[in-house]
Each structure stands twice: as structure tokens, then as C-alpha cells.
């Protein structure tokens, strides 16, 4: 996967999350020291139902774009954190309380914030 295609995947995921009214969507270009992935997409929701809707929107949008989902962590009804692994792009969808607790943006504060809106 090229860097441009990884960035495209991250932006498609962010826009799909936005379609389901995800909160505080952030696309982070990860520093070079993170060899496993190039981008994190992070968003949150107020309810588990909204988390599921956001995840469904993202997985369908990326499937339609021909992007293969490699791993899906957090399947089930009441998960507070769902992780979608697309290789060079990892998508995190949190229930708001858990997002504040784990604070990935602070943990990866050296990552570059990428604009995802058209």
C-alpha cells in the first residue's frame, strides 16, 4: 500500500464516521518510529448503538472502496472500544468516556494531525 493510498483510506474512514455523526474525528499520521501503521483514525460516540453505526459505516465504505479489513477487535453489543485494522491504517471508535480515559491523542502527541474534510 502506498502512502497516498493509506492516506486515502484514512480519509474515507473519517468521512464515513462523520456521516454517522461521530464526535471529534481525528486522523493522525503516525511518526516513523511506529512501523506497524501509518495512520490512526480516532473518533467517539455517546452510545454503544452509535459506535456500532459508525463502525458499520466505516467498514462498508472501505469495503466498497476495495479495502480489505485485516482484523476487527471489539465485536459485540456493548463494546466501549472498537479497533479496525486495515494494515497501514488503524481505526479506533470509542464510547466517549473510554476515549478520554485512553487518550490516544496525548499518547501519540508527536503524530501529525491530517485534515480529512474535502
N, C-alpha and C. Protein backbone atom coordinates (compact mmCIF):
# COMPACT_ATOMS: atom_id res chain seq x y z
N UNK A 1 0.84 -1.18 0.00
CA UNK A 1 0.00 0.00 0.00
C UNK A 1 0.88 1.24 0.00
N UNK A 2 0.62 2.14 -0.89
CA UNK A 2 1.42 3.36 -0.94
C UNK A 2 0.94 4.34 0.13
N UNK A 3 1.80 5.31 0.43
CA UNK A 3 1.42 6.30 1.43
C UNK A 3 0.16 7.04 1.01
N UNK A 4 0.07 7.38 -0.26
CA UNK A 4 -1.12 8.09 -0.72
C UNK A 4 -2.37 7.25 -0.54
N UNK A 5 -2.29 5.96 -0.81
CA UNK A 5 -3.47 5.13 -0.64
C UNK A 5 -3.79 4.95 0.84
N UNK A 6 -2.80 4.90 1.69
CA UNK A 6 -3.05 4.82 3.13
C UNK A 6 -3.75 6.09 3.61
N UNK A 7 -3.31 7.22 3.12
CA UNK A 7 -3.96 8.48 3.49
C UNK A 7 -5.39 8.51 2.97
N UNK A 8 -5.60 8.02 1.77
CA UNK A 8 -6.95 7.97 1.19
C UNK A 8 -7.85 7.08 2.05
N UNK A 9 -7.36 5.93 2.47
CA UNK A 9 -8.14 5.03 3.32
C UNK A 9 -8.51 5.72 4.63
N UNK A 10 -7.55 6.41 5.23
CA UNK A 10 -7.82 7.11 6.48
C UNK A 10 -8.90 8.17 6.30
N UNK A 11 -8.84 8.90 5.19
CA UNK A 11 -9.83 9.95 4.95
C UNK A 11 -11.21 9.37 4.64
N UNK A 12 -11.26 8.26 3.91
CA UNK A 12 -12.55 7.61 3.65
C UNK A 12 -13.16 7.15 4.97
N UNK A 13 -12.35 6.58 5.85
CA UNK A 13 -12.84 6.13 7.15
C UNK A 13 -13.36 7.31 7.97
N UNK A 14 -12.62 8.41 7.98
CA UNK A 14 -13.04 9.59 8.73
C UNK A 14 -14.36 10.14 8.20
N UNK A 15 -14.49 10.21 6.90
CA UNK A 15 -15.73 10.74 6.31
C UNK A 15 -16.91 9.81 6.59
N UNK A 16 -16.67 8.51 6.56
CA UNK A 16 -17.74 7.55 6.87
C UNK A 16 -18.17 7.69 8.33
N UNK A 17 -17.23 7.92 9.22
CA UNK A 17 -17.56 8.15 10.64
C UNK A 17 -18.38 9.43 10.77
N UNK A 18 -17.99 10.45 10.03
CA UNK A 18 -18.68 11.73 10.08
C UNK A 18 -20.14 11.59 9.61
N UNK A 19 -20.37 10.73 8.63
CA UNK A 19 -21.73 10.51 8.14
C UNK A 19 -22.65 9.99 9.24
N UNK A 20 -22.10 9.33 10.24
CA UNK A 20 -22.90 8.80 11.35
C UNK A 20 -22.74 9.66 12.60
N UNK A 21 -22.29 10.90 12.39
CA UNK A 21 -22.21 11.90 13.46
C UNK A 21 -21.23 11.53 14.57
N UNK A 22 -20.12 10.90 14.21
CA UNK A 22 -19.07 10.62 15.19
C UNK A 22 -18.54 11.94 15.74
N UNK A 23 -18.08 11.90 16.97
CA UNK A 23 -17.55 13.09 17.63
C UNK A 23 -16.03 13.17 17.48
N UNK A 24 -15.54 14.38 17.36
CA UNK A 24 -14.10 14.69 17.42
C UNK A 24 -13.26 13.72 16.59
N UNK A 25 -13.53 13.65 15.31
CA UNK A 25 -12.80 12.75 14.42
C UNK A 25 -11.42 13.32 14.16
N UNK A 26 -10.41 12.48 14.37
CA UNK A 26 -9.03 12.90 14.14
C UNK A 26 -8.32 11.85 13.28
N UNK A 27 -7.57 12.33 12.32
CA UNK A 27 -6.68 11.48 11.53
C UNK A 27 -5.26 11.87 11.90
N UNK A 28 -4.51 10.91 12.40
CA UNK A 28 -3.13 11.15 12.81
C UNK A 28 -2.17 10.41 11.91
N UNK A 29 -1.22 11.12 11.34
CA UNK A 29 -0.13 10.48 10.60
C UNK A 29 0.90 10.10 11.65
N UNK A 30 1.09 8.82 11.79
CA UNK A 30 1.93 8.33 12.87
C UNK A 30 3.41 8.58 12.58
N UNK A 31 4.18 8.82 13.63
CA UNK A 31 5.62 9.06 13.44
C UNK A 31 6.32 7.83 12.87
N UNK A 32 7.48 8.05 12.29
CA UNK A 32 8.24 6.97 11.66
C UNK A 32 8.60 5.85 12.63
N UNK A 33 8.63 6.12 13.92
CA UNK A 33 9.00 5.08 14.88
C UNK A 33 7.92 4.02 15.03
N UNK A 34 6.71 4.29 14.53
CA UNK A 34 5.63 3.30 14.56
C UNK A 34 5.65 2.56 13.23
N UNK A 35 6.26 1.40 13.22
CA UNK A 35 6.45 0.66 11.98
C UNK A 35 5.18 -0.07 11.53
N UNK A 36 4.26 -0.33 12.43
CA UNK A 36 3.10 -1.17 12.12
C UNK A 36 2.02 -0.45 11.32
N UNK A 37 1.93 0.85 11.46
CA UNK A 37 0.84 1.57 10.81
C UNK A 37 1.27 2.99 10.46
N UNK A 38 0.64 3.55 9.44
CA UNK A 38 0.95 4.92 9.02
C UNK A 38 -0.05 5.94 9.56
N UNK A 39 -1.30 5.52 9.74
CA UNK A 39 -2.35 6.44 10.16
C UNK A 39 -3.22 5.82 11.23
N UNK A 40 -3.64 6.64 12.19
CA UNK A 40 -4.70 6.32 13.12
C UNK A 40 -5.88 7.21 12.76
N UNK A 41 -7.06 6.64 12.78
CA UNK A 41 -8.30 7.41 12.70
C UNK A 41 -9.00 7.18 14.03
N UNK A 42 -9.30 8.26 14.74
CA UNK A 42 -9.88 8.16 16.07
C UNK A 42 -11.17 8.95 16.10
N UNK A 43 -12.22 8.32 16.62
CA UNK A 43 -13.49 9.02 16.79
C UNK A 43 -14.20 8.45 18.00
N UNK A 44 -15.28 9.12 18.39
CA UNK A 44 -16.03 8.65 19.55
C UNK A 44 -17.51 8.90 19.34
N UNK A 45 -18.29 8.29 20.24
CA UNK A 45 -19.75 8.40 20.20
C UNK A 45 -20.27 8.36 21.63
N UNK A 46 -21.48 8.80 21.79
CA UNK A 46 -22.07 8.84 23.13
C UNK A 46 -22.66 7.51 23.56
N UNK A 47 -23.06 6.68 22.60
CA UNK A 47 -23.71 5.41 22.94
C UNK A 47 -23.09 4.24 22.19
N UNK A 48 -23.35 3.03 22.69
CA UNK A 48 -22.88 1.82 22.01
C UNK A 48 -23.58 1.65 20.66
N UNK A 49 -24.84 2.05 20.59
CA UNK A 49 -25.57 1.96 19.32
C UNK A 49 -24.91 2.83 18.27
N UNK A 50 -24.51 4.03 18.65
CA UNK A 50 -23.84 4.92 17.69
C UNK A 50 -22.46 4.37 17.32
N UNK A 51 -21.74 3.78 18.26
CA UNK A 51 -20.45 3.15 17.94
C UNK A 51 -20.66 2.10 16.86
N UNK A 52 -21.67 1.25 17.03
CA UNK A 52 -21.93 0.20 16.02
C UNK A 52 -22.27 0.81 14.67
N UNK A 53 -23.07 1.89 14.66
CA UNK A 53 -23.43 2.54 13.40
C UNK A 53 -22.20 3.13 12.71
N UNK A 54 -21.32 3.74 13.48
CA UNK A 54 -20.09 4.32 12.93
C UNK A 54 -19.21 3.22 12.34
N UNK A 55 -19.03 2.14 13.09
CA UNK A 55 -18.20 1.02 12.62
C UNK A 55 -18.78 0.43 11.34
N UNK A 56 -20.08 0.24 11.29
CA UNK A 56 -20.72 -0.29 10.08
C UNK A 56 -20.50 0.65 8.89
N UNK A 57 -20.65 1.94 9.12
CA UNK A 57 -20.44 2.92 8.05
C UNK A 57 -19.02 2.85 7.51
N UNK A 58 -18.05 2.77 8.41
CA UNK A 58 -16.64 2.71 8.01
C UNK A 58 -16.33 1.43 7.25
N UNK A 59 -16.75 0.29 7.81
CA UNK A 59 -16.42 -0.99 7.15
C UNK A 59 -17.08 -1.09 5.78
N UNK A 60 -18.31 -0.59 5.64
CA UNK A 60 -18.99 -0.64 4.34
C UNK A 60 -18.32 0.30 3.34
N UNK A 61 -17.96 1.50 3.77
CA UNK A 61 -17.32 2.46 2.86
C UNK A 61 -15.98 1.93 2.35
N UNK A 62 -15.21 1.33 3.25
CA UNK A 62 -13.90 0.82 2.83
C UNK A 62 -14.03 -0.46 2.02
N UNK A 63 -15.02 -1.29 2.33
CA UNK A 63 -15.27 -2.47 1.50
C UNK A 63 -15.65 -2.04 0.08
N UNK A 64 -16.52 -1.03 -0.01
CA UNK A 64 -16.92 -0.51 -1.33
C UNK A 64 -15.72 0.05 -2.10
N UNK A 65 -14.72 0.54 -1.36
CA UNK A 65 -13.51 1.09 -1.99
C UNK A 65 -12.49 -0.02 -2.29
N UNK A 66 -12.84 -1.26 -1.97
CA UNK A 66 -11.95 -2.39 -2.26
C UNK A 66 -10.84 -2.59 -1.25
N UNK A 67 -11.04 -2.07 -0.03
CA UNK A 67 -10.02 -2.18 1.01
C UNK A 67 -10.36 -3.34 1.92
N UNK A 68 -9.38 -4.22 2.14
CA UNK A 68 -9.60 -5.42 2.94
C UNK A 68 -9.39 -5.14 4.43
N UNK A 69 -10.38 -5.53 5.22
CA UNK A 69 -10.28 -5.45 6.68
C UNK A 69 -9.47 -6.64 7.16
N UNK A 70 -8.36 -6.37 7.85
CA UNK A 70 -7.48 -7.44 8.30
C UNK A 70 -7.87 -7.98 9.68
N UNK A 71 -8.33 -7.08 10.55
CA UNK A 71 -8.69 -7.51 11.91
C UNK A 71 -9.74 -6.57 12.47
N UNK A 72 -10.67 -7.15 13.23
CA UNK A 72 -11.76 -6.39 13.83
C UNK A 72 -11.80 -6.80 15.29
N UNK A 73 -11.45 -5.90 16.19
CA UNK A 73 -11.47 -6.16 17.63
C UNK A 73 -12.62 -5.39 18.24
N UNK A 74 -13.38 -6.04 19.10
CA UNK A 74 -14.46 -5.37 19.80
C UNK A 74 -15.82 -5.63 19.21
N UNK A 75 -15.98 -6.77 18.54
CA UNK A 75 -17.31 -7.12 18.03
C UNK A 75 -18.23 -7.41 19.20
N UNK A 76 -19.47 -7.15 19.01
CA UNK A 76 -20.45 -7.43 20.06
C UNK A 76 -21.26 -6.19 20.35
N UNK A 77 -22.17 -6.32 21.27
CA UNK A 77 -23.14 -5.27 21.50
C UNK A 77 -22.69 -4.11 22.35
N UNK A 78 -21.93 -4.35 23.37
CA UNK A 78 -21.65 -3.29 24.34
C UNK A 78 -20.17 -2.98 24.46
N UNK A 79 -19.48 -2.92 23.35
CA UNK A 79 -18.05 -2.63 23.40
C UNK A 79 -17.79 -1.14 23.48
N UNK A 80 -16.85 -0.78 24.34
CA UNK A 80 -16.51 0.62 24.57
C UNK A 80 -15.41 1.10 23.62
N UNK A 81 -14.77 0.14 22.92
CA UNK A 81 -13.68 0.49 22.02
C UNK A 81 -13.63 -0.55 20.91
N UNK A 82 -13.79 -0.11 19.68
CA UNK A 82 -13.69 -1.00 18.53
C UNK A 82 -12.46 -0.58 17.74
N UNK A 83 -11.67 -1.57 17.34
CA UNK A 83 -10.47 -1.34 16.54
C UNK A 83 -10.63 -2.05 15.21
N UNK A 84 -10.43 -1.32 14.13
CA UNK A 84 -10.47 -1.87 12.78
C UNK A 84 -9.08 -1.73 12.19
N UNK A 85 -8.48 -2.85 11.84
CA UNK A 85 -7.11 -2.86 11.34
C UNK A 85 -7.11 -3.06 9.83
N UNK A 86 -6.65 -2.04 9.12
CA UNK A 86 -6.53 -2.10 7.67
C UNK A 86 -5.06 -2.09 7.26
N UNK A 87 -4.19 -2.55 8.13
CA UNK A 87 -2.76 -2.59 7.82
C UNK A 87 -2.11 -1.26 8.12
N UNK A 88 -1.94 -0.44 7.09
CA UNK A 88 -1.30 0.86 7.26
C UNK A 88 -2.22 1.89 7.92
N UNK A 89 -3.49 1.52 8.11
CA UNK A 89 -4.46 2.40 8.76
C UNK A 89 -5.17 1.61 9.85
N UNK A 90 -5.20 2.17 11.05
CA UNK A 90 -5.93 1.56 12.16
C UNK A 90 -6.98 2.57 12.63
N UNK A 91 -8.22 2.10 12.68
CA UNK A 91 -9.36 2.94 13.05
C UNK A 91 -9.80 2.57 14.46
N UNK A 92 -9.96 3.58 15.31
CA UNK A 92 -10.42 3.40 16.68
C UNK A 92 -11.75 4.14 16.84
N UNK A 93 -12.76 3.45 17.32
CA UNK A 93 -14.05 4.08 17.62
C UNK A 93 -14.36 3.79 19.08
N UNK A 94 -14.48 4.84 19.86
CA UNK A 94 -14.66 4.73 21.31
C UNK A 94 -16.03 5.22 21.75
N UNK A 95 -16.50 4.69 22.87
CA UNK A 95 -17.50 5.40 23.65
C UNK A 95 -16.74 6.54 24.33
N UNK A 96 -17.33 7.72 24.37
CA UNK A 96 -16.63 8.94 24.77
C UNK A 96 -15.83 8.79 26.07
N UNK A 97 -16.39 8.19 27.08
CA UNK A 97 -15.70 8.05 28.37
C UNK A 97 -14.38 7.29 28.23
N UNK A 98 -14.39 6.25 27.44
CA UNK A 98 -13.16 5.46 27.24
C UNK A 98 -12.15 6.21 26.38
N UNK A 99 -12.63 7.00 25.46
CA UNK A 99 -11.70 7.79 24.66
C UNK A 99 -10.92 8.75 25.56
N UNK A 100 -11.62 9.40 26.46
CA UNK A 100 -10.93 10.30 27.40
C UNK A 100 -9.96 9.53 28.29
N UNK A 101 -10.35 8.33 28.71
CA UNK A 101 -9.50 7.54 29.59
C UNK A 101 -8.20 7.11 28.89
N UNK A 102 -8.31 6.57 27.68
CA UNK A 102 -7.13 6.08 26.97
C UNK A 102 -6.34 7.21 26.31
N UNK A 103 -6.97 8.26 25.91
CA UNK A 103 -6.35 9.49 25.40
C UNK A 103 -5.21 9.21 24.41
N UNK A 104 -5.55 8.52 23.32
CA UNK A 104 -4.55 8.18 22.32
C UNK A 104 -3.88 9.40 21.71
N UNK A 105 -4.64 10.48 21.59
CA UNK A 105 -4.06 11.71 21.02
C UNK A 105 -2.91 12.22 21.89
N UNK A 106 -3.06 12.13 23.20
CA UNK A 106 -1.98 12.55 24.09
C UNK A 106 -0.80 11.56 24.02
N UNK A 107 -1.14 10.28 24.00
CA UNK A 107 -0.10 9.25 23.91
C UNK A 107 0.74 9.44 22.65
N UNK A 108 0.10 9.79 21.55
CA UNK A 108 0.78 9.99 20.27
C UNK A 108 0.81 11.46 19.91
N UNK A 109 1.14 12.31 20.85
CA UNK A 109 1.13 13.76 20.62
C UNK A 109 2.14 14.21 19.57
N UNK A 110 3.11 13.38 19.25
CA UNK A 110 4.08 13.74 18.21
C UNK A 110 3.58 13.38 16.81
N UNK A 111 2.37 12.78 16.71
CA UNK A 111 1.80 12.47 15.40
C UNK A 111 1.29 13.75 14.75
N UNK A 112 1.32 13.75 13.43
CA UNK A 112 0.85 14.90 12.66
C UNK A 112 -0.65 14.80 12.44
N UNK A 113 -1.38 15.85 12.76
CA UNK A 113 -2.82 15.91 12.53
C UNK A 113 -3.06 16.17 11.05
N UNK A 114 -3.89 15.34 10.41
CA UNK A 114 -4.15 15.41 8.98
C UNK A 114 -5.60 15.86 8.76
N UNK A 115 -5.79 16.83 7.88
CA UNK A 115 -7.13 17.27 7.54
C UNK A 115 -7.82 16.20 6.68
N UNK A 116 -9.02 15.82 7.03
CA UNK A 116 -9.73 14.76 6.30
C UNK A 116 -10.94 15.27 5.55
N UNK A 117 -11.31 16.51 5.77
CA UNK A 117 -12.50 17.05 5.08
C UNK A 117 -12.12 17.45 3.66
N UNK A 118 -13.06 17.31 2.75
CA UNK A 118 -12.79 17.66 1.34
C UNK A 118 -12.75 19.15 1.17
